[in-house]
């Protein structure tokens, strides 16, 4: 998965088997641990932990027909219920 925060781009593997995957792409080149899983047929939860840094992000992605809804939280409270919606136009 590719995540972009401002100018920082993180390319990370995502474990779908409950096991975290690690990549040295976080702030200052420190490791990031990722794991994801389907909560339902249309809802995916991505957990991104910067380990040695303070941030730990949860991305809840829900696909509903032609729209996608993203709810982002950072567990220390830095980001709370940031919602993004996207629609596909025909």
PDB file of N, CA and C in Angstrom:
ATOM      1  N   UNK A   1       0.852  -1.156   0.000  1.00  0.00           N
ATOM      2  CA  UNK A   1       0.000   0.000   0.000  1.00  0.00           C
ATOM      3  C   UNK A   1       0.901   1.222   0.000  1.00  0.00           C
ATOM      4  N   UNK A   2       0.433   2.255  -0.642  1.00  0.00           N
ATOM      5  CA  UNK A   2       1.163   3.517  -0.657  1.00  0.00           C
ATOM      6  C   UNK A   2       0.357   4.548   0.117  1.00  0.00           C
ATOM      7  N   UNK A   3       0.995   5.160   1.106  1.00  0.00           N
ATOM      8  CA  UNK A   3       0.382   6.218   1.904  1.00  0.00           C
ATOM      9  C   UNK A   3       1.193   7.482   1.690  1.00  0.00           C
ATOM     10  N   UNK A   4       0.520   8.619   1.535  1.00  0.00           N
ATOM     11  CA  UNK A   4       1.240   9.868   1.375  1.00  0.00           C
ATOM     12  C   UNK A   4       0.747  10.863   2.405  1.00  0.00           C
ATOM     13  N   UNK A   5       1.697  11.381   3.182  1.00  0.00           N
ATOM     14  CA  UNK A   5       1.432  12.406   4.194  1.00  0.00           C
ATOM     15  C   UNK A   5       2.241  13.623   3.794  1.00  0.00           C
ATOM     16  N   UNK A   6       1.553  14.657   3.311  1.00  0.00           N
ATOM     17  CA  UNK A   6       2.214  15.851   2.819  1.00  0.00           C
ATOM     18  C   UNK A   6       3.220  15.435   1.746  1.00  0.00           C
ATOM     19  N   UNK A   7       4.515  15.604   1.969  1.00  0.00           N
ATOM     20  CA  UNK A   7       5.515  15.233   0.964  1.00  0.00           C
ATOM     21  C   UNK A   7       6.129  13.857   1.227  1.00  0.00           C
ATOM     22  N   UNK A   8       5.803  13.260   2.357  1.00  0.00           N
ATOM     23  CA  UNK A   8       6.347  11.937   2.695  1.00  0.00           C
ATOM     24  C   UNK A   8       5.480  10.847   2.078  1.00  0.00           C
ATOM     25  N   UNK A   9       6.107   9.936   1.354  1.00  0.00           N
ATOM     26  CA  UNK A   9       5.387   8.810   0.749  1.00  0.00           C
ATOM     27  C   UNK A   9       5.929   7.522   1.367  1.00  0.00           C
ATOM     28  N   UNK A  10       5.031   6.733   1.921  1.00  0.00           N
ATOM     29  CA  UNK A  10       5.399   5.458   2.528  1.00  0.00           C
ATOM     30  C   UNK A  10       4.815   4.332   1.689  1.00  0.00           C
ATOM     31  N   UNK A  11       5.671   3.436   1.237  1.00  0.00           N
ATOM     32  CA  UNK A  11       5.214   2.223   0.555  1.00  0.00           C
ATOM     33  C   UNK A  11       5.418   1.096   1.553  1.00  0.00           C
ATOM     34  N   UNK A  12       4.309   0.482   1.971  1.00  0.00           N
ATOM     35  CA  UNK A  12       4.360  -0.506   3.048  1.00  0.00           C
ATOM     36  C   UNK A  12       3.633  -1.785   2.655  1.00  0.00           C
ATOM     37  N   UNK A  13       4.147  -2.929   3.098  1.00  0.00           N
ATOM     38  CA  UNK A  13       3.388  -4.173   2.915  1.00  0.00           C
ATOM     39  C   UNK A  13       2.286  -4.210   3.971  1.00  0.00           C
ATOM     40  N   UNK A  14       1.171  -4.857   3.656  1.00  0.00           N
ATOM     41  CA  UNK A  14       0.062  -4.955   4.607  1.00  0.00           C
ATOM     42  C   UNK A  14      -0.263  -6.422   4.833  1.00  0.00           C
ATOM     43  N   UNK A  15      -0.099  -6.870   6.069  1.00  0.00           N
ATOM     44  CA  UNK A  15      -0.443  -8.241   6.408  1.00  0.00           C
ATOM     45  C   UNK A  15      -1.954  -8.394   6.522  1.00  0.00           C
ATOM     46  N   UNK A  16      -2.496  -9.378   5.844  1.00  0.00           N
ATOM     47  CA  UNK A  16      -3.937  -9.651   5.923  1.00  0.00           C
ATOM     48  C   UNK A  16      -4.226 -10.888   6.757  1.00  0.00           C
ATOM     49  N   UNK A  17      -3.190 -11.387   7.427  1.00  0.00           N
ATOM     50  CA  UNK A  17      -3.311 -12.615   8.203  1.00  0.00           C
ATOM     51  C   UNK A  17      -3.174 -12.369   9.705  1.00  0.00           C
ATOM     52  N   UNK A  18      -3.318 -11.101  10.126  1.00  0.00           N
ATOM     53  CA  UNK A  18      -3.194 -10.769  11.541  1.00  0.00           C
ATOM     54  C   UNK A  18      -1.755 -10.508  11.974  1.00  0.00           C
ATOM     55  N   UNK A  19      -0.808 -10.743  11.089  1.00  0.00           N
ATOM     56  CA  UNK A  19       0.613 -10.517  11.397  1.00  0.00           C
ATOM     57  C   UNK A  19       1.031  -9.157  10.847  1.00  0.00           C
ATOM     58  N   UNK A  20       1.700  -8.372  11.665  1.00  0.00           N
ATOM     59  CA  UNK A  20       2.178  -7.064  11.212  1.00  0.00           C
ATOM     60  C   UNK A  20       3.350  -7.234  10.255  1.00  0.00           C
ATOM     61  N   UNK A  21       3.391  -6.345   9.268  1.00  0.00           N
ATOM     62  CA  UNK A  21       4.515  -6.295   8.335  1.00  0.00           C
ATOM     63  C   UNK A  21       5.271  -4.996   8.609  1.00  0.00           C
ATOM     64  N   UNK A  22       6.584  -5.023   8.412  1.00  0.00           N
ATOM     65  CA  UNK A  22       7.430  -3.891   8.758  1.00  0.00           C
ATOM     66  C   UNK A  22       8.137  -3.338   7.526  1.00  0.00           C
ATOM     67  N   UNK A  23       8.317  -2.018   7.519  1.00  0.00           N
ATOM     68  CA  UNK A  23       9.055  -1.359   6.444  1.00  0.00           C
ATOM     69  C   UNK A  23       9.787  -0.157   7.050  1.00  0.00           C
ATOM     70  N   UNK A  24      11.043   0.085   6.648  1.00  0.00           N
ATOM     71  CA  UNK A  24      11.829   1.197   7.201  1.00  0.00           C
ATOM     72  C   UNK A  24      11.545   2.511   6.465  1.00  0.00           C
ATOM     73  N   UNK A  25      10.289   2.934   6.442  1.00  0.00           N
ATOM     74  CA  UNK A  25       9.899   4.088   5.625  1.00  0.00           C
ATOM     75  C   UNK A  25       9.295   5.235   6.435  1.00  0.00           C
ATOM     76  N   UNK A  26       9.218   5.088   7.749  1.00  0.00           N
ATOM     77  CA  UNK A  26       8.579   6.109   8.577  1.00  0.00           C
ATOM     78  C   UNK A  26       9.453   7.331   8.756  1.00  0.00           C
ATOM     79  N   UNK A  27       9.025   8.238   9.608  1.00  0.00           N
ATOM     80  CA  UNK A  27       9.840   9.423   9.880  1.00  0.00           C
ATOM     81  C   UNK A  27      11.249   9.041  10.310  1.00  0.00           C
ATOM     82  N   UNK A  28      12.225   9.738   9.757  1.00  0.00           N
ATOM     83  CA  UNK A  28      13.656   9.507  10.027  1.00  0.00           C
ATOM     84  C   UNK A  28      14.107   8.111   9.612  1.00  0.00           C
ATOM     85  N   UNK A  29      13.370   7.462   8.706  1.00  0.00           N
ATOM     86  CA  UNK A  29      13.732   6.131   8.230  1.00  0.00           C
ATOM     87  C   UNK A  29      13.461   5.020   9.232  1.00  0.00           C
ATOM     88  N   UNK A  30      12.711   5.333  10.280  1.00  0.00           N
ATOM     89  CA  UNK A  30      12.401   4.327  11.297  1.00  0.00           C
ATOM     90  C   UNK A  30      11.267   3.424  10.815  1.00  0.00           C
ATOM     91  N   UNK A  31      11.145   2.232  11.392  1.00  0.00           N
ATOM     92  CA  UNK A  31      10.155   1.266  10.911  1.00  0.00           C
ATOM     93  C   UNK A  31       8.710   1.676  11.155  1.00  0.00           C
ATOM     94  N   UNK A  32       7.884   1.204  10.244  1.00  0.00           N
ATOM     95  CA  UNK A  32       6.434   1.330  10.326  1.00  0.00           C
ATOM     96  C   UNK A  32       5.886  -0.096  10.299  1.00  0.00           C
ATOM     97  N   UNK A  33       4.923  -0.388  11.166  1.00  0.00           N
ATOM     98  CA  UNK A  33       4.289  -1.711  11.195  1.00  0.00           C
ATOM     99  C   UNK A  33       2.849  -1.578  10.710  1.00  0.00           C
ATOM    100  N   UNK A  34       2.453  -2.438   9.791  1.00  0.00           N
ATOM    101  CA  UNK A  34       1.103  -2.359   9.230  1.00  0.00           C
ATOM    102  C   UNK A  34       0.414  -3.717   9.278  1.00  0.00           C
ATOM    103  N   UNK A  35      -0.883  -3.667   9.474  1.00  0.00           N
ATOM    104  CA  UNK A  35      -1.728  -4.856   9.410  1.00  0.00           C
ATOM    105  C   UNK A  35      -3.114  -4.377   8.981  1.00  0.00           C
ATOM    106  N   UNK A  36      -3.812  -5.202   8.259  1.00  0.00           N
ATOM    107  CA  UNK A  36      -5.143  -4.823   7.808  1.00  0.00           C
ATOM    108  C   UNK A  36      -6.066  -6.018   7.804  1.00  0.00           C
ATOM    109  N   UNK A  37      -7.337  -5.742   7.682  1.00  0.00           N
ATOM    110  CA  UNK A  37      -8.304  -6.828   7.612  1.00  0.00           C
ATOM    111  C   UNK A  37      -9.671  -6.324   7.229  1.00  0.00           C
ATOM    112  N   UNK A  38     -10.421  -7.205   6.613  1.00  0.00           N
ATOM    113  CA  UNK A  38     -11.789  -6.889   6.206  1.00  0.00           C
ATOM    114  C   UNK A  38     -12.714  -7.046   7.394  1.00  0.00           C
ATOM    115  N   UNK A  39     -13.490  -6.016   7.694  1.00  0.00           N
ATOM    116  CA  UNK A  39     -14.490  -6.066   8.758  1.00  0.00           C
ATOM    117  C   UNK A  39     -15.809  -6.596   8.221  1.00  0.00           C
ATOM    118  N   UNK A  40     -16.041  -6.391   6.925  1.00  0.00           N
ATOM    119  CA  UNK A  40     -17.220  -6.892   6.231  1.00  0.00           C
ATOM    120  C   UNK A  40     -16.879  -6.938   4.746  1.00  0.00           C
ATOM    121  N   UNK A  41     -17.853  -7.260   3.905  1.00  0.00           N
ATOM    122  CA  UNK A  41     -17.609  -7.301   2.458  1.00  0.00           C
ATOM    123  C   UNK A  41     -17.236  -5.941   1.888  1.00  0.00           C
ATOM    124  N   UNK A  42     -17.587  -4.872   2.586  1.00  0.00           N
ATOM    125  CA  UNK A  42     -17.350  -3.534   2.038  1.00  0.00           C
ATOM    126  C   UNK A  42     -16.524  -2.620   2.944  1.00  0.00           C
ATOM    127  N   UNK A  43     -16.007  -3.157   4.052  1.00  0.00           N
ATOM    128  CA  UNK A  43     -15.292  -2.316   5.004  1.00  0.00           C
ATOM    129  C   UNK A  43     -13.942  -2.929   5.371  1.00  0.00           C
ATOM    130  N   UNK A  44     -12.874  -2.119   5.233  1.00  0.00           N
ATOM    131  CA  UNK A  44     -11.507  -2.561   5.486  1.00  0.00           C
ATOM    132  C   UNK A  44     -10.893  -1.668   6.553  1.00  0.00           C
ATOM    133  N   UNK A  45     -10.163  -2.259   7.498  1.00  0.00           N
ATOM    134  CA  UNK A  45      -9.472  -1.510   8.543  1.00  0.00           C
ATOM    135  C   UNK A  45      -7.972  -1.674   8.349  1.00  0.00           C
ATOM    136  N   UNK A  46      -7.271  -0.549   8.211  1.00  0.00           N
ATOM    137  CA  UNK A  46      -5.816  -0.537   8.086  1.00  0.00           C
ATOM    138  C   UNK A  46      -5.235   0.090   9.334  1.00  0.00           C
ATOM    139  N   UNK A  47      -4.287  -0.607   9.968  1.00  0.00           N
ATOM    140  CA  UNK A  47      -3.616  -0.159  11.191  1.00  0.00           C
ATOM    141  C   UNK A  47      -2.165   0.128  10.828  1.00  0.00           C
ATOM    142  N   UNK A  48      -1.737   1.377  11.028  1.00  0.00           N
ATOM    143  CA  UNK A  48      -0.368   1.800  10.694  1.00  0.00           C
ATOM    144  C   UNK A  48       0.272   2.385  11.948  1.00  0.00           C
ATOM    145  N   UNK A  49       1.281   1.697  12.471  1.00  0.00           N
ATOM    146  CA  UNK A  49       1.960   2.106  13.699  1.00  0.00           C
ATOM    147  C   UNK A  49       3.382   2.535  13.359  1.00  0.00           C
ATOM    148  N   UNK A  50       3.750   3.770  13.722  1.00  0.00           N
ATOM    149  CA  UNK A  50       5.104   4.246  13.430  1.00  0.00           C
ATOM    150  C   UNK A  50       6.129   3.773  14.463  1.00  0.00           C
ATOM    151  N   UNK A  51       5.748   2.923  15.352  1.00  0.00           N
ATOM    152  CA  UNK A  51       6.561   2.230  16.347  1.00  0.00           C
ATOM    153  C   UNK A  51       7.425   3.169  17.187  1.00  0.00           C
ATOM    154  N   UNK A  52       8.583   3.584  16.687  1.00  0.00           N
ATOM    155  CA  UNK A  52       9.513   4.397  17.466  1.00  0.00           C
ATOM    156  C   UNK A  52       9.102   5.865  17.527  1.00  0.00           C
ATOM    157  N   UNK A  53       8.140   6.246  16.725  1.00  0.00           N
ATOM    158  CA  UNK A  53       7.584   7.599  16.784  1.00  0.00           C
ATOM    159  C   UNK A  53       6.257   7.515  17.511  1.00  0.00           C
ATOM    160  N   UNK A  54       5.621   8.611  17.750  1.00  0.00           N
ATOM    161  CA  UNK A  54       4.428   8.618  18.590  1.00  0.00           C
ATOM    162  C   UNK A  54       3.156   8.223  17.840  1.00  0.00           C
ATOM    163  N   UNK A  55       3.129   8.300  16.523  1.00  0.00           N
ATOM    164  CA  UNK A  55       1.875   8.138  15.791  1.00  0.00           C
ATOM    165  C   UNK A  55       1.477   6.691  15.541  1.00  0.00           C
ATOM    166  N   UNK A  56       0.173   6.474  15.655  1.00  0.00           N
ATOM    167  CA  UNK A  56      -0.436   5.170  15.389  1.00  0.00           C
ATOM    168  C   UNK A  56      -1.786   5.453  14.733  1.00  0.00           C
ATOM    169  N   UNK A  57      -1.867   5.192  13.433  1.00  0.00           N
ATOM    170  CA  UNK A  57      -3.040   5.559  12.646  1.00  0.00           C
ATOM    171  C   UNK A  57      -3.968   4.369  12.419  1.00  0.00           C
ATOM    172  N   UNK A  58      -5.259   4.638  12.414  1.00  0.00           N
ATOM    173  CA  UNK A  58      -6.271   3.663  12.029  1.00  0.00           C
ATOM    174  C   UNK A  58      -7.067   4.269  10.878  1.00  0.00           C
ATOM    175  N   UNK A  59      -7.115   3.556   9.762  1.00  0.00           N
ATOM    176  CA  UNK A  59      -7.864   3.984   8.587  1.00  0.00           C
ATOM    177  C   UNK A  59      -9.011   2.994   8.374  1.00  0.00           C
ATOM    178  N   UNK A  60     -10.225   3.482   8.446  1.00  0.00           N
ATOM    179  CA  UNK A  60     -11.389   2.655   8.189  1.00  0.00           C
ATOM    180  C   UNK A  60     -11.906   3.047   6.804  1.00  0.00           C
ATOM    181  N   UNK A  61     -11.859   2.110   5.861  1.00  0.00           N
ATOM    182  CA  UNK A  61     -12.262   2.381   4.480  1.00  0.00           C
ATOM    183  C   UNK A  61     -13.517   1.576   4.170  1.00  0.00           C
ATOM    184  N   UNK A  62     -14.562   2.279   3.710  1.00  0.00           N
ATOM    185  CA  UNK A  62     -15.807   1.613   3.359  1.00  0.00           C
ATOM    186  C   UNK A  62     -16.186   1.969   1.924  1.00  0.00           C
ATOM    187  N   UNK A  63     -16.417   0.946   1.127  1.00  0.00           N
ATOM    188  CA  UNK A  63     -16.825   1.132  -0.260  1.00  0.00           C
ATOM    189  C   UNK A  63     -18.320   0.864  -0.334  1.00  0.00           C
ATOM    190  N   UNK A  64     -19.050   1.838  -0.880  1.00  0.00           N
ATOM    191  CA  UNK A  64     -20.502   1.762  -0.922  1.00  0.00           C
ATOM    192  C   UNK A  64     -20.959   2.134  -2.332  1.00  0.00           C
ATOM    193  N   UNK A  65     -21.153   1.136  -3.176  1.00  0.00           N
ATOM    194  CA  UNK A  65     -21.565   1.413  -4.558  1.00  0.00           C
ATOM    195  C   UNK A  65     -20.487   2.173  -5.303  1.00  0.00           C
ATOM    196  N   UNK A  66     -20.794   3.420  -5.684  1.00  0.00           N
ATOM    197  CA  UNK A  66     -19.835   4.226  -6.430  1.00  0.00           C
ATOM    198  C   UNK A  66     -19.081   5.217  -5.557  1.00  0.00           C
ATOM    199  N   UNK A  67     -19.190   5.086  -4.242  1.00  0.00           N
ATOM    200  CA  UNK A  67     -18.479   6.000  -3.349  1.00  0.00           C
ATOM    201  C   UNK A  67     -17.575   5.229  -2.386  1.00  0.00           C
ATOM    202  N   UNK A  68     -16.551   5.921  -1.933  1.00  0.00           N
ATOM    203  CA  UNK A  68     -15.612   5.368  -0.950  1.00  0.00           C
ATOM    204  C   UNK A  68     -15.531   6.350   0.207  1.00  0.00           C
ATOM    205  N   UNK A  69     -15.616   5.833   1.414  1.00  0.00           N
ATOM    206  CA  UNK A  69     -15.577   6.649   2.624  1.00  0.00           C
ATOM    207  C   UNK A  69     -14.362   6.236   3.449  1.00  0.00           C
ATOM    208  N   UNK A  70     -13.577   7.203   3.878  1.00  0.00           N
ATOM    209  CA  UNK A  70     -12.398   6.950   4.703  1.00  0.00           C
ATOM    210  C   UNK A  70     -12.560   7.705   6.008  1.00  0.00           C
ATOM    211  N   UNK A  71     -12.372   7.016   7.117  1.00  0.00           N
ATOM    212  CA  UNK A  71     -12.378   7.637   8.427  1.00  0.00           C
ATOM    213  C   UNK A  71     -11.007   7.375   9.042  1.00  0.00           C
ATOM    214  N   UNK A  72     -10.287   8.450   9.368  1.00  0.00           N
ATOM    215  CA  UNK A  72      -8.917   8.317   9.879  1.00  0.00           C
ATOM    216  C   UNK A  72      -8.855   8.807  11.320  1.00  0.00           C
ATOM    217  N   UNK A  73      -8.207   8.007  12.156  1.00  0.00           N
ATOM    218  CA  UNK A  73      -7.957   8.376  13.545  1.00  0.00           C
ATOM    219  C   UNK A  73      -6.502   8.107  13.877  1.00  0.00           C
ATOM    220  N   UNK A  74      -5.979   8.901  14.783  1.00  0.00           N
ATOM    221  CA  UNK A  74      -4.625   8.683  15.300  1.00  0.00           C
ATOM    222  C   UNK A  74      -4.811   8.488  16.798  1.00  0.00           C
ATOM    223  N   UNK A  75      -4.375   7.351  17.319  1.00  0.00           N
ATOM    224  CA  UNK A  75      -4.797   6.972  18.667  1.00  0.00           C
ATOM    225  C   UNK A  75      -4.292   7.858  19.790  1.00  0.00           C
ATOM    226  N   UNK A  76      -3.292   8.673  19.581  1.00  0.00           N
ATOM    227  CA  UNK A  76      -2.904   9.609  20.644  1.00  0.00           C
ATOM    228  C   UNK A  76      -3.831  10.815  20.680  1.00  0.00           C
ATOM    229  N   UNK A  77      -4.737  10.945  19.698  1.00  0.00           N
ATOM    230  CA  UNK A  77      -5.689  12.037  19.671  1.00  0.00           C
ATOM    231  C   UNK A  77      -5.290  13.175  18.734  1.00  0.00           C
ATOM    232  N   UNK A  78      -4.133  13.052  18.077  1.00  0.00           N
ATOM    233  CA  UNK A  78      -3.672  14.107  17.170  1.00  0.00           C
ATOM    234  C   UNK A  78      -4.653  14.332  16.012  1.00  0.00           C
ATOM    235  N   UNK A  79      -5.240  13.252  15.514  1.00  0.00           N
ATOM    236  CA  UNK A  79      -6.261  13.323  14.465  1.00  0.00           C
ATOM    237  C   UNK A  79      -7.446  12.513  14.960  1.00  0.00           C
ATOM    238  N   UNK A  80      -8.626  13.106  14.888  1.00  0.00           N
ATOM    239  CA  UNK A  80      -9.810  12.430  15.412  1.00  0.00           C
ATOM    240  C   UNK A  80     -10.935  12.496  14.388  1.00  0.00           C
ATOM    241  N   UNK A  81     -11.365  11.333  13.927  1.00  0.00           N
ATOM    242  CA  UNK A  81     -12.509  11.207  13.019  1.00  0.00           C
ATOM    243  C   UNK A  81     -12.403  12.105  11.781  1.00  0.00           C
ATOM    244  N   UNK A  82     -11.244  12.116  11.143  1.00  0.00           N
ATOM    245  CA  UNK A  82     -11.078  12.837   9.883  1.00  0.00           C
ATOM    246  C   UNK A  82     -11.758  12.020   8.795  1.00  0.00           C
ATOM    247  N   UNK A  83     -12.777  12.599   8.177  1.00  0.00           N
ATOM    248  CA  UNK A  83     -13.567  11.869   7.182  1.00  0.00           C
ATOM    249  C   UNK A  83     -13.287  12.398   5.789  1.00  0.00           C
ATOM    250  N   UNK A  84     -13.105  11.464   4.843  1.00  0.00           N
ATOM    251  CA  UNK A  84     -12.896  11.788   3.435  1.00  0.00           C
ATOM    252  C   UNK A  84     -13.850  10.920   2.625  1.00  0.00           C
ATOM    253  N   UNK A  85     -14.508  11.523   1.649  1.00  0.00           N
ATOM    254  CA  UNK A  85     -15.402  10.764   0.778  1.00  0.00           C
ATOM    255  C   UNK A  85     -15.003  11.000  -0.675  1.00  0.00           C
ATOM    256  N   UNK A  86     -15.115   9.957  -1.478  1.00  0.00           N
ATOM    257  CA  UNK A  86     -14.811  10.061  -2.912  1.00  0.00           C
ATOM    258  C   UNK A  86     -15.928   9.363  -3.693  1.00  0.00           C
ATOM    259  N   UNK A  87     -16.276   9.925  -4.846  1.00  0.00           N
ATOM    260  CA  UNK A  87     -17.319   9.350  -5.680  1.00  0.00           C
ATOM    261  C   UNK A  87     -16.772   9.081  -7.059  1.00  0.00           C
ATOM    262  N   UNK A  88     -17.245   8.020  -7.665  1.00  0.00           N
ATOM    263  CA  UNK A  88     -16.886   7.699  -9.054  1.00  0.00           C
ATOM    264  C   UNK A  88     -17.971   8.256  -9.949  1.00  0.00           C
ATOM    265  N   UNK A  89     -17.581   9.014 -10.955  1.00  0.00           N
ATOM    266  CA  UNK A  89     -18.534   9.596 -11.904  1.00  0.00           C
ATOM    267  C   UNK A  89     -18.500   8.832 -13.181  1.00  0.00           C
ATOM    268  N   UNK A  90     -19.633   8.652 -13.797  1.00  0.00           N
ATOM    269  CA  UNK A  90     -19.718   7.968 -15.087  1.00  0.00           C
ATOM    270  C   UNK A  90     -19.928   8.936 -16.197  1.00  0.00           C
TER     271      UNK A  90
END
